[in-house]
Every structure is written in structure tokens, then in C-alpha cells.
Protein backbone atom coordinates (compact mmCIF):
# COMPACT_ATOMS: atom_id res chain seq x y z
CA UNK A 1 68.41 10.08 104.04
CA UNK A 2 68.42 7.37 106.76
CA UNK A 3 71.01 6.95 109.54
CA UNK A 4 72.94 4.25 107.62
CA UNK A 5 73.40 6.58 104.68
CA UNK A 6 74.62 9.33 107.00
CA UNK A 7 77.19 6.98 108.59
CA UNK A 8 78.39 5.86 105.15
CA UNK A 9 78.79 9.49 104.03
CA UNK A 10 80.88 10.32 107.15
CA UNK A 11 83.15 7.34 106.54
CA UNK A 12 83.65 8.31 102.89
CA UNK A 13 84.50 11.91 103.86
CA UNK A 14 87.03 10.72 106.44
CA UNK A 15 88.68 8.41 103.92
CA UNK A 16 88.83 11.24 101.37
CA UNK A 17 90.53 13.57 103.85
CA UNK A 18 93.08 10.89 104.73
CA UNK A 19 93.74 10.19 101.07
CA UNK A 20 94.39 13.86 100.33
CA UNK A 21 96.50 14.65 103.38
CA UNK A 22 98.37 11.41 103.86
CA UNK A 23 99.10 10.72 100.20
CA UNK A 24 101.73 8.04 99.79
CA UNK A 25 102.26 7.85 103.57
CA UNK A 26 99.03 5.92 104.03
CA UNK A 27 98.18 2.97 101.81
CA UNK A 28 94.38 2.85 101.80
CA UNK A 29 94.39 -0.62 100.25
CA UNK A 30 95.90 -2.10 103.39
CA UNK A 31 94.04 -2.87 106.59
CA UNK A 32 94.67 -0.53 109.52
CA UNK A 33 94.34 -3.43 111.93
CA UNK A 34 97.48 -4.00 113.89
CA UNK A 35 98.89 -0.54 113.08
CA UNK A 36 101.35 0.51 115.75
CA UNK A 37 100.73 3.99 117.10
CA UNK A 38 103.77 6.22 116.64
CA UNK A 39 104.50 8.53 119.57
CA UNK A 40 106.24 11.91 119.58
CA UNK A 41 109.23 10.35 121.32
CA UNK A 42 109.89 8.03 118.39
CA UNK A 43 110.41 10.80 115.82
CA UNK A 44 111.17 14.51 116.08
CA UNK A 45 109.33 15.67 112.97
CA UNK A 46 105.52 15.48 113.15
CA UNK A 47 105.22 15.86 109.40
CA UNK A 48 107.21 12.62 108.87
CA UNK A 49 104.99 10.40 111.00
CA UNK A 50 102.67 7.90 109.31
CA UNK A 51 99.02 8.92 109.65
CA UNK A 52 96.68 6.25 110.93
CA UNK A 53 93.83 8.59 111.87
CA UNK A 54 92.64 12.16 111.60
CA UNK A 55 93.89 12.68 115.15
CA UNK A 56 97.46 12.17 113.93
CA UNK A 57 96.97 14.93 111.34
CA UNK A 58 95.44 17.15 113.99
CA UNK A 59 98.35 16.48 116.37
CA UNK A 60 100.84 17.41 113.64
CA UNK A 61 99.18 20.80 113.15
CA UNK A 62 99.13 21.39 116.91
CA UNK A 63 102.84 20.68 117.28
CA UNK A 64 103.83 22.84 114.29
CA UNK A 65 101.75 25.75 115.64
CA UNK A 66 103.28 25.29 119.11
CA UNK A 67 106.77 25.52 117.61
CA UNK A 68 106.11 28.59 115.46
CA UNK A 69 103.93 30.80 117.68
CA UNK A 70 106.73 31.78 120.12
CA UNK A 71 108.77 33.12 117.16
CA UNK A 72 106.03 35.54 116.07
CA UNK A 73 105.66 38.95 117.74
CA UNK A 74 103.08 41.72 117.71
CA UNK A 75 104.39 45.06 116.44
CA UNK A 76 102.92 48.34 117.72
CA UNK A 77 103.72 51.65 116.03
CA UNK A 78 102.93 55.24 116.82
CA UNK A 79 103.27 58.35 114.69
CA UNK A 80 102.77 61.91 115.88
CA UNK A 81 101.73 64.62 113.44
CA UNK A 82 100.33 68.14 113.62
CA UNK A 83 97.42 69.62 111.70
CA UNK A 84 95.99 73.10 111.73
CA UNK A 85 92.42 73.00 112.94
CA UNK A 86 89.83 73.56 110.24
CA UNK A 87 86.54 74.93 111.69
CA UNK A 88 83.38 73.12 110.67
CA UNK A 89 81.47 76.36 110.43
CA UNK A 90 82.06 80.09 110.09
CA UNK A 91 80.63 82.89 112.19
CA UNK A 92 79.51 85.85 110.00
CA UNK A 93 79.41 88.13 113.05
CA UNK A 94 83.08 87.48 113.87
CA UNK A 95 83.98 87.68 110.17
CA UNK A 96 82.45 91.18 110.07
CA UNK A 97 84.75 92.43 112.85
CA UNK A 98 87.90 90.36 112.31
CA UNK A 99 87.63 89.33 108.66
CA UNK A 100 87.50 85.78 107.22
CA UNK A 101 91.30 85.51 107.35
CA UNK A 102 91.16 84.88 111.11
CA UNK A 103 90.24 81.26 110.28
CA UNK A 104 93.70 80.79 108.80
CA UNK A 105 95.20 81.47 112.21
CA UNK A 106 93.54 78.47 113.82
CA UNK A 107 95.98 76.70 116.17
CA UNK A 108 97.69 73.48 115.21
CA UNK A 109 96.63 70.32 116.99
CA UNK A 110 98.76 67.28 117.69
CA UNK A 111 97.44 63.88 116.71
CA UNK A 112 98.76 60.39 117.33
CA UNK A 113 98.23 57.58 114.86
CA UNK A 114 98.69 54.04 116.13
CA UNK A 115 99.31 50.97 114.01
CA UNK A 116 99.36 47.21 114.54
CA UNK A 117 101.24 44.51 112.69
CA UNK A 118 103.27 41.37 113.16
CA UNK A 119 106.88 40.27 112.92
CA UNK A 120 108.98 37.12 112.94
CA UNK A 121 112.06 36.57 115.11
CA UNK A 122 114.79 35.34 112.76
CA UNK A 123 117.79 35.60 115.10
CA UNK A 124 117.90 34.86 118.84
CA UNK A 125 119.63 38.20 119.53
CA UNK A 126 116.48 40.14 118.62
CA UNK A 127 116.51 40.55 114.83
CA UNK A 128 112.93 40.58 113.51
CA UNK A 129 111.58 40.48 109.97
CA UNK A 130 108.43 42.45 109.20
CA UNK A 131 106.89 44.54 106.42
CA UNK A 132 108.11 48.00 105.46
CA UNK A 133 104.56 49.35 105.50
CA UNK A 134 104.13 48.18 109.11
CA UNK A 135 106.89 50.46 110.43
CA UNK A 136 107.03 53.17 107.75
CA UNK A 137 107.00 56.74 109.15
CA UNK A 138 106.64 55.46 112.72
CA UNK A 139 108.07 57.67 115.46
CA UNK A 140 108.15 54.80 117.94
CA UNK A 141 107.98 51.02 117.60
CA UNK A 142 107.25 48.48 120.31
CA UNK A 143 107.23 44.71 120.16
CA UNK A 144 105.37 42.26 122.38
CA UNK A 145 106.62 38.68 122.44
CA UNK A 146 104.62 35.50 122.84
CA UNK A 147 105.30 35.39 126.59
CA UNK A 148 103.98 38.95 127.04
CA UNK A 149 107.26 40.87 127.36
CA UNK A 150 107.30 44.33 125.76
CA UNK A 151 110.38 45.83 124.10
CA UNK A 152 111.23 49.08 122.37
CA UNK A 153 112.39 48.37 118.81
CA UNK A 154 114.68 50.18 116.40
CA UNK A 155 114.74 49.98 112.61
CA UNK A 156 117.87 48.25 111.29
CA UNK A 157 116.89 48.84 107.68
CA UNK A 158 113.87 48.97 105.41
CA UNK A 159 113.22 48.38 101.72
CA UNK A 160 109.96 49.80 100.34
CA UNK A 161 110.64 48.24 96.93
CA UNK A 162 110.00 44.75 98.35
CA UNK A 163 107.99 45.81 101.44
CA UNK A 164 110.52 44.17 103.77
CA UNK A 165 112.01 45.67 106.93
CA UNK A 166 114.33 44.48 109.71
CA UNK A 167 113.84 45.74 113.25
CA UNK A 168 115.76 44.87 116.40
CA UNK A 169 115.07 44.61 120.12
CA UNK A 170 117.50 44.38 123.04
CA UNK A 171 116.99 40.76 124.03
CA UNK A 172 118.88 37.48 124.09
CA UNK A 173 118.08 33.80 123.73
CA UNK A 174 114.81 34.43 121.92
CA UNK A 175 113.14 31.58 120.05
CA UNK A 176 113.97 32.06 116.35
CA UNK A 177 112.05 30.61 113.44
CA UNK A 178 113.68 28.04 111.19
CA UNK A 179 113.94 29.46 107.68
CA UNK A 180 112.93 27.30 104.73
CA UNK A 181 113.46 27.58 101.00
CA UNK A 182 110.40 29.14 99.39
CA UNK A 183 111.70 28.06 95.97
CA UNK A 184 110.80 24.48 96.91
CA UNK A 185 107.15 25.32 97.61
CA UNK A 186 104.58 23.70 95.35
CA UNK A 187 101.09 24.87 94.50
CA UNK A 188 98.66 22.91 96.64
CA UNK A 189 101.10 22.51 99.53
CA UNK A 190 99.59 23.08 102.98
CA UNK A 191 100.77 26.13 104.93
CA UNK A 192 100.00 27.90 108.20
CA UNK A 193 99.81 31.67 108.73
CA UNK A 194 100.60 33.14 112.15
CA UNK A 195 100.08 36.77 113.17
CA UNK A 196 98.00 39.34 115.03
CA UNK A 197 94.92 40.12 112.91
CA UNK A 198 92.60 43.01 113.65
CA UNK A 199 93.50 43.50 117.32
CA UNK A 200 96.29 42.87 119.84
CA UNK A 201 93.80 40.69 121.70
CA UNK A 202 93.93 38.29 118.74
CA UNK A 203 97.73 37.95 118.78
CA UNK A 204 99.30 34.70 117.56
CA UNK A 205 96.26 33.62 115.58
CA UNK A 206 96.99 30.51 113.51
CA UNK A 207 95.16 29.83 110.23
CA UNK A 208 95.60 27.03 107.74
CA UNK A 209 95.37 26.84 103.96
CA UNK A 210 97.28 25.91 100.86
CA UNK A 211 99.64 27.61 98.44
CA UNK A 212 97.20 28.87 95.83
CA UNK A 213 99.82 30.19 93.38
CA UNK A 214 103.46 31.25 93.13
CA UNK A 215 105.24 34.07 91.38
CA UNK A 216 102.36 36.54 91.48
CA UNK A 217 103.46 39.92 90.09
CA UNK A 218 101.90 43.13 88.75
CA UNK A 219 99.69 43.23 91.84
CA UNK A 220 100.67 46.82 92.57
CA UNK A 221 101.81 46.21 96.15
CA UNK A 222 105.57 46.67 95.68
CA UNK A 223 108.13 47.41 92.98
CA UNK A 224 109.66 43.93 93.08
CA UNK A 225 106.90 41.35 93.30
CA UNK A 226 107.16 37.56 93.42
CA UNK A 227 104.34 36.84 95.83
CA UNK A 228 103.15 33.53 97.21
CA UNK A 229 99.35 33.48 97.06
CA UNK A 230 97.54 31.56 99.78
CA UNK A 231 94.00 30.99 100.99
CA UNK A 232 95.12 30.79 104.62
CA UNK A 233 93.10 33.47 106.37
CA UNK A 234 95.07 36.76 106.44
CA UNK A 235 93.53 39.96 107.77
CA UNK A 236 94.73 43.49 108.62
CA UNK A 237 97.34 43.12 111.37
CA UNK A 238 98.71 39.88 109.92
CA UNK A 239 101.18 41.95 107.87
CA UNK A 240 104.74 40.96 108.77
CA UNK A 241 103.69 37.63 110.24
CA UNK A 242 104.88 34.16 109.34
CA UNK A 243 103.79 31.81 106.59
CA UNK A 244 105.22 28.37 107.40
CA UNK A 245 105.23 24.97 105.74
CA UNK A 246 104.50 21.62 107.39
CA UNK A 247 108.13 21.43 108.49
CA UNK A 248 107.51 24.50 110.64
CA UNK A 249 109.88 26.50 108.43
CA UNK A 250 109.37 30.11 107.41
CA UNK A 251 108.53 30.26 103.70
CA UNK A 252 106.97 33.72 103.51
CA UNK A 253 106.27 37.05 105.22
CA UNK A 254 102.54 37.75 105.06
CA UNK A 255 102.02 41.12 103.41
CA UNK A 256 98.58 41.88 102.04
CA UNK A 257 95.13 40.69 101.11
CA UNK A 258 92.86 41.26 98.14
CA UNK A 259 89.43 42.11 99.48
CA UNK A 260 86.36 44.08 98.51
CA UNK A 261 85.18 44.25 102.10
CA UNK A 262 88.49 44.87 103.90
CA UNK A 263 88.38 41.40 105.45
CA UNK A 264 89.46 37.89 104.51
CA UNK A 265 88.20 36.64 101.14
CA UNK A 266 90.61 33.80 100.45
CA UNK A 267 93.32 35.74 98.59
CA UNK A 268 96.41 36.64 100.59
CA UNK A 269 99.98 37.39 99.53
CA UNK A 270 103.32 36.71 101.20
CA UNK A 271 106.84 37.77 100.25
CA UNK A 272 108.83 34.56 99.63
CA UNK A 273 111.42 33.75 102.29
CA UNK A 274 114.15 33.59 99.63
CA UNK A 275 113.53 37.24 98.72
CA UNK A 276 112.99 38.39 102.31
CA UNK A 277 116.21 36.77 103.55
CA UNK A 278 118.25 38.26 100.68
CA UNK A 279 116.90 41.71 101.54
CA UNK A 280 117.57 41.16 105.24
CA UNK A 281 121.16 40.04 104.64
CA UNK A 282 121.82 43.07 102.44
CA UNK A 283 120.37 45.46 105.01
CA UNK A 284 122.41 43.89 107.82
CA UNK A 285 125.64 43.85 105.81
CA UNK A 286 125.46 47.17 103.94
CA UNK A 287 122.74 49.19 105.62
CA UNK A 288 120.97 49.33 102.27
CA UNK A 289 119.81 46.96 99.56
CA UNK A 290 122.39 46.40 96.83
CA UNK A 291 120.77 45.14 93.63
CA UNK A 292 122.14 43.84 90.39
CA UNK A 293 121.56 45.94 87.26
CA UNK A 294 121.35 44.91 83.62
CA UNK A 295 120.19 48.15 81.98
CA UNK A 296 117.37 47.16 79.65
CA UNK A 297 113.75 48.16 79.14
CA UNK A 298 111.81 44.89 79.00
CA UNK A 299 108.24 43.80 78.45
CA UNK A 300 106.17 40.63 78.43
CA UNK A 301 105.49 38.70 75.25
CA UNK A 302 101.83 38.44 74.31
CA UNK A 303 100.21 36.31 71.63
CA UNK A 304 100.52 38.97 68.95
CA UNK A 305 104.22 39.60 69.59
CA UNK A 306 104.94 35.88 69.73
CA UNK A 307 103.23 35.38 66.38
CA UNK A 308 104.95 38.34 64.74
CA UNK A 309 108.39 37.25 65.95
CA UNK A 310 107.87 33.58 65.15
CA UNK A 311 108.21 32.47 68.76
CA UNK A 312 106.84 29.12 69.76
CA UNK A 313 105.62 30.25 73.20
CA UNK A 314 104.70 33.42 75.07
CA UNK A 315 107.61 33.11 77.48
CA UNK A 316 110.71 35.18 78.01
CA UNK A 317 111.28 38.94 78.23
CA UNK A 318 111.47 41.19 75.17
CA UNK A 319 114.16 43.86 75.20
CA UNK A 320 112.56 47.13 74.11
CA UNK A 321 115.54 49.42 74.69
CA UNK A 322 119.09 49.31 76.06
CA UNK A 323 120.46 51.94 78.44
CA UNK A 324 123.62 53.70 77.26
CA UNK A 325 126.82 52.70 79.06
CA UNK A 326 124.99 49.90 80.85
CA UNK A 327 126.17 46.30 81.33
CA UNK A 328 123.65 45.24 78.69
CA UNK A 329 125.10 47.63 76.09
CA UNK A 330 128.66 46.59 76.88
CA UNK A 331 127.71 42.91 76.42
CA UNK A 332 126.00 43.58 73.09
CA UNK A 333 122.34 43.11 73.95
CA UNK A 334 120.07 44.84 71.42
CA UNK A 335 116.45 46.02 71.20
CA UNK A 336 114.37 43.14 69.86
CA UNK A 337 116.33 40.44 71.68
CA UNK A 338 114.19 37.96 73.62
CA UNK A 339 115.79 36.80 76.87
CA UNK A 340 114.77 33.17 77.33
CA UNK A 341 116.95 32.01 80.22
CA UNK A 342 119.47 33.25 82.79
CA UNK A 343 122.18 30.82 83.87
CA UNK A 344 120.14 27.99 82.43
CA UNK A 345 116.94 28.87 84.32
CA UNK A 346 114.04 29.64 82.01
CA UNK A 347 112.57 33.16 82.18
CA UNK A 348 108.79 33.14 82.11
CA UNK A 349 108.15 36.88 82.00
CA UNK A 350 109.69 40.31 82.50
CA UNK A 351 108.88 40.43 86.24
CA UNK A 352 110.81 37.22 86.84
CA UNK A 353 113.83 38.52 84.93
CA UNK A 354 113.76 41.82 86.83
CA UNK A 355 113.56 40.06 90.20
CA UNK A 356 116.28 37.56 89.32
CA UNK A 357 118.71 40.22 88.12
CA UNK A 358 118.01 42.44 91.14
CA UNK A 359 118.68 39.53 93.51
CA UNK A 360 122.08 38.81 91.90
CA UNK A 361 125.14 40.53 93.37
CA UNK A 362 126.72 43.30 91.24
CA UNK A 363 129.89 42.09 89.55
CA UNK A 364 128.48 38.63 88.91
CA UNK A 365 128.92 37.27 85.40
CA UNK A 366 125.71 35.68 84.15
CA UNK A 367 124.84 33.91 80.91
CA UNK A 368 121.67 34.82 79.05
CA UNK A 369 120.09 32.60 76.41
CA UNK A 370 118.53 34.96 73.88
CA UNK A 371 116.58 34.71 70.64
CA UNK A 372 117.80 37.17 68.02
CA UNK A 373 116.17 37.09 64.59
CA UNK A 374 115.22 33.40 64.89
CA UNK A 375 118.71 32.40 66.09
CA UNK A 376 119.39 31.27 69.63
CA UNK A 377 122.56 32.73 71.13
CA UNK A 378 124.36 33.05 74.45
CA UNK A 379 125.43 36.41 75.85
CA UNK A 380 127.63 36.78 78.95
CA UNK A 381 127.00 39.93 81.00
CA UNK A 382 128.78 41.23 84.09
CA UNK A 383 125.99 42.84 86.10
CA UNK A 384 126.44 46.32 87.52
CA UNK A 385 124.91 47.86 90.62
CA UNK A 386 121.47 49.37 90.25
CA UNK A 387 122.00 53.13 90.57
CA UNK A 388 120.42 54.83 93.56
CA UNK A 389 119.37 58.42 94.13
CA UNK A 390 122.52 59.58 95.92
CA UNK A 391 122.45 63.23 94.82
CA UNK A 392 122.38 65.57 97.86
CA UNK A 393 118.99 67.12 98.58
CA UNK A 394 120.30 70.66 98.12
CA UNK A 395 121.68 69.81 94.67
CA UNK A 396 118.37 68.19 93.68
CA UNK A 397 116.43 71.28 94.71
CA UNK A 398 118.80 73.52 92.76
CA UNK A 399 118.36 71.39 89.63
CA UNK A 400 114.58 71.34 90.06
CA UNK A 401 114.51 75.13 90.38
CA UNK A 402 116.48 75.48 87.16
CA UNK A 403 114.42 72.91 85.24
CA UNK A 404 111.07 74.05 86.62
CA UNK A 405 109.87 70.53 87.31
CA UNK A 406 110.50 67.51 89.54
CA UNK A 407 110.97 63.87 88.55
CA UNK A 408 110.75 60.73 90.68
CA UNK A 409 111.47 57.07 90.15
CA UNK A 410 108.45 55.31 88.70
CA UNK A 411 106.98 53.30 91.58
CA UNK A 412 103.76 51.31 91.64
CA UNK A 413 102.08 54.09 93.63
CA UNK A 414 102.99 56.67 90.96
CA UNK A 415 101.97 54.27 88.20
CA UNK A 416 98.51 54.01 89.75
CA UNK A 417 98.31 57.77 90.29
CA UNK A 418 99.08 58.58 86.65
CA UNK A 419 97.48 55.47 85.10
CA UNK A 420 100.80 54.10 83.83
CA UNK A 421 101.96 50.54 83.35
CA UNK A 422 104.27 49.43 86.22
CA UNK A 423 106.48 47.75 83.58
CA UNK A 424 107.51 51.13 82.14
CA UNK A 425 111.11 52.15 82.71
CA UNK A 426 111.99 55.81 83.25
CA UNK A 427 111.36 58.72 85.59
CA UNK A 428 108.00 60.39 85.95
CA UNK A 429 107.26 64.12 86.19
CA UNK A 430 105.47 64.62 89.51
CA UNK A 431 105.21 68.42 89.57
CA UNK A 432 105.88 71.27 87.13
CA UNK A 433 105.91 75.04 87.27
CA UNK A 434 103.42 76.44 84.72
CA UNK A 435 105.74 79.39 84.13
CA UNK A 436 108.67 77.17 83.18
CA UNK A 437 110.08 76.78 79.69
CA UNK A 438 109.48 73.02 79.87
CA UNK A 439 105.76 73.58 80.51
CA UNK A 440 105.48 76.06 77.64
CA UNK A 441 107.05 73.48 75.32
CA UNK A 442 104.49 70.88 76.33
CA UNK A 443 105.87 68.90 79.30
CA UNK A 444 103.14 67.84 81.73
CA UNK A 445 102.81 66.16 85.11
CA UNK A 446 102.55 62.39 84.65
CA UNK A 447 104.86 62.34 81.61
CA UNK A 448 107.54 59.63 81.69
CA UNK A 449 111.02 60.76 80.66
CA UNK A 450 112.75 58.01 78.67
CA UNK A 451 115.94 59.85 77.70
CA UNK A 452 117.84 63.10 78.21
CA UNK A 453 119.98 64.44 75.34
CA UNK A 454 119.63 61.04 73.66
CA UNK A 455 120.92 59.17 76.73
CA UNK A 456 118.58 56.59 78.24
CA UNK A 457 117.51 57.12 81.87
CA UNK A 458 115.95 54.63 84.26
CA UNK A 459 116.43 56.34 87.62
CA UNK A 460 116.45 59.79 89.16
CA UNK A 461 120.18 59.34 89.83
CA UNK A 462 120.84 58.89 86.09
CA UNK A 463 118.59 61.83 85.24
CA UNK A 464 120.41 64.10 87.70
CA UNK A 465 123.79 62.84 86.55
CA UNK A 466 123.09 63.73 82.94
CA UNK A 467 122.06 67.27 83.93
CA UNK A 468 124.51 67.98 86.74
CA UNK A 469 126.63 70.26 84.50
CA UNK A 470 123.66 71.96 82.80
CA UNK A 471 123.64 75.77 82.86
CA UNK A 472 121.19 78.55 82.08
CA UNK A 473 120.79 78.94 78.33
CA UNK A 474 121.42 75.23 77.56
CA UNK A 475 118.88 73.40 75.41
CA UNK A 476 117.65 70.06 76.75
CA UNK A 477 116.26 67.34 74.48
CA UNK A 478 114.06 64.72 76.12
CA UNK A 479 112.15 61.72 74.83
CA UNK A 480 108.74 61.56 76.50
CA UNK A 481 106.13 58.82 76.93
CA UNK A 482 102.48 59.88 77.21
CA UNK A 483 99.22 58.07 76.46
CA UNK A 484 101.02 55.08 74.89
CA UNK A 485 102.96 57.35 72.53
CA UNK A 486 106.55 58.59 72.58
CA UNK A 487 107.81 61.92 71.25
CA UNK A 488 110.74 64.31 71.58
CA UNK A 489 110.51 67.61 73.41
CA UNK A 490 113.16 70.37 73.65
CA UNK A 491 113.30 73.41 75.92
CA UNK A 492 115.87 76.02 76.96
CA UNK A 493 116.90 76.47 80.59
């Protein structure tokens, strides 16, 4: 290839980049001669300036990064725990005189585990958004700002179900990020990720990419998933950092990567700002997350189900069961109904319906478009509040002692542990006494309890509520899910 060919190739590449990035802003059919250079003083928004060269695009990225970096902080955590020392070898001579049991008396040692993450200042008085997993189980949390100041931080609230947490520092007049609407994001849109990957020495690293996909769910990272996928470089330590659009607005909280090596491989996930802000507002207002509740067991519609039910598309959420005394039962929803839309917005799958209902305030009346036996109908439901596990710990332990087993809400972690589908609804048996009546009748760890005495259960709170008046000698009937089969099991307390 001669030098003229090389020059022609460079020109073609430059024109291609301008065509992709400038889009309708730059008319490539017109001559650039006589173009007036637009300065920063003539417009406040770099993303709105006409692009006459690659330098203009470069300047826009520089100014967006300069605006966002001061709003991102580095989060340091420390956890102290104690472990009893386990010797690497035994001494037969000492065992002869003192016995092997002396090894059990080894002293405990104190260890400190340090963690690193990122956060985003969302209010000038020191409120910071980050990930739950960044600050979970931390004994102490410190934050370092862009200008190098270090603050002790406290947890305002945390929600493991969405992996969002709010922490606070004692500071005023901090630079706060402008929050955008993640619902307006489009696949292919350019975004920047800002955080502290790998090391505190790499704080406020800025990477650039595009929105690779939206609405990613069933990833196994959280209970409520609606992730933005991006190919902007995200690495360990970026968690809790900012994903921003070309307006410099926060559109996501960077949360995780998919990697076979532990490093960046082009697949990163961020919690959408719309979800993160809803969680933050609930934590600030109520100290906990208040979620809407419908009370149905739902599943996705595959090709076989769509064909059997005469559906034209594999969209919507299929109602598999309805919880007794739930808003869904009161409104007349039935097993076999297909929920197609909520308040006029189409429902693509069960994860979308679950997220949308959870994000709606309890007491809100919503309209569902459903398909029931080939007829399209509307059903109005007043959503309830998703029950929590509010039973006192002492009462829970007393019930567990009487039952002989423990149940927990079915989280993604437990689903992975017991090889269960995260879409299942119920409580899972996480431990069981082999001498208990329930074990003798066939109950096993990893079983999912669908119902108690013919009453549907979705949460530990419902399970405990149905058994709060149980006494020794009572017979309990439970419907169990195991290995893709359901069956009834009865035992006497």
C-alpha cells in the first residue's frame, strides 16, 4: 500500500467517525469551508454544539468528564472478624502428652478485611449513592472526594434486593451529579463510566462506551434486576460509580461485570437511575424500601406456551398461581391469565412486571390488560404492600425449634445454591433437623414451600403468620416444589 492509499484510508476513517458521532448535526454533503468555530462561551451544553472536527468531539468528552468527576467519590470499607487459628500441622509428641483435643483450644486471631468501591454524590449535603455490596457488613466506611478530603461515612439505608445503598458524610456544598432519566436511554447511545477501578491510585478513572442493551434480568446479581448493559470498561472497584450520558447526567450506578478472567471483557451492568433514585427516596423517607405487591406467581411465555394458548407473540407474564387474600385474588385475577400491559405499558416478560409492580406505591390502583381464554379484558387492582419479615427474632427461633427446620426468602444466592429458578415464588428450606417429624415425612433442605395448610406463601413473613398459632400435636399440610415437581407433604408437630 503506497502513501496515497494510506492518506485516503485515514480520511475515510475520519469521515466515518464524524458520520457516526455527529449524525444529523453534521451534513457531510456540505462543504466545511467557512464554518464558524463555536466556542464554549456561546453555548453551555457541549453535546449541543455542531461538530466540525474530531477535536470538537474530543472537547465535548473532556468537558463532560470534568463536570462529572468531582461528583464521584472513592469508598473505603473495613470489616473486623475473628477466627480460631487452625494449625497447619500436628505434633505427635505433644498429642501423646496433651491429647489431640488441645488443637481445639487454639487462640482466636483478629483479622481486618478492607474493601474498595465508588459512590456518587447526589445531594450537596453529603448524600451518596453506591452499591449495597460495597458497604455490606462493613464496620467502618470512609469516603475520599475528588479534591482529596477524607470523611467518615454512615449508612442511611441499604437494599440488597436491588444492590443499592445510600451513605452520608458530614459535609456541605459538595458538587452533586445531575440525575437523568434512564428510561430515555437508547441502545447504541454513548455513555461514560466514572469510578475507582482496582486501586485507590486509579480513582476517578473515566471510560467510554455505548449502551449495549437495556432491561437485562435473570443475571443472578440481585432479586430485582433491570440492568443497563454497557461496554464501557468497568472493573472491580468501579462498583457504585457513575454511568452518565452525553448530557453529563447520571443514568446508572455501575454494579458488576461478566468476566472469565476477573477483569474487563466488554460486559458491564449498571442499575438504572430510575430504579436507584426510587430506592434512595424510599430509604430516605421511610428508612426502608416500600414495594408494591400484587400477589401472583408468574412466569415467562416461551414458544410452546404461546402456541398452546394461541398467543400471537411470546410477550407478557403468565399467572401460574394467585396468593390467597392478595390484591390479585380480590381483583379476580386467575391462574392462566396472561398479563399483557400495566397502565397501558406493554409487559415484555415476568421480570419487567415484577419490577414495575414493586416500584409502584402500595395503595395505587392500576389497570392490567389481560388475555383470558382468548378474550382480552381489563382488570383494576389496588396494589398492596409487599410483606416483609417483621416477626421478632425470638419468635422465629421458637417456631423453628417447633417445626424442626428453617425457611428463608428465595433470593438469587439461594437459587444458585440449590439449583432453583430465580423466577420461583415461595420460601426455601435452608436447614432441617434430621430428627424432626418433617424430615421423617420427607422434607429436605432446598425444598421450596409453595403453601401451608392450603394457603399460598411467598415470603417468610407469610409463612410465619400462617403458623404463629400452631401448637404441639397440630398437623401441618404443605405443598412442596422439588426437581421440577410439586407434591403435598404432611407432618405432626
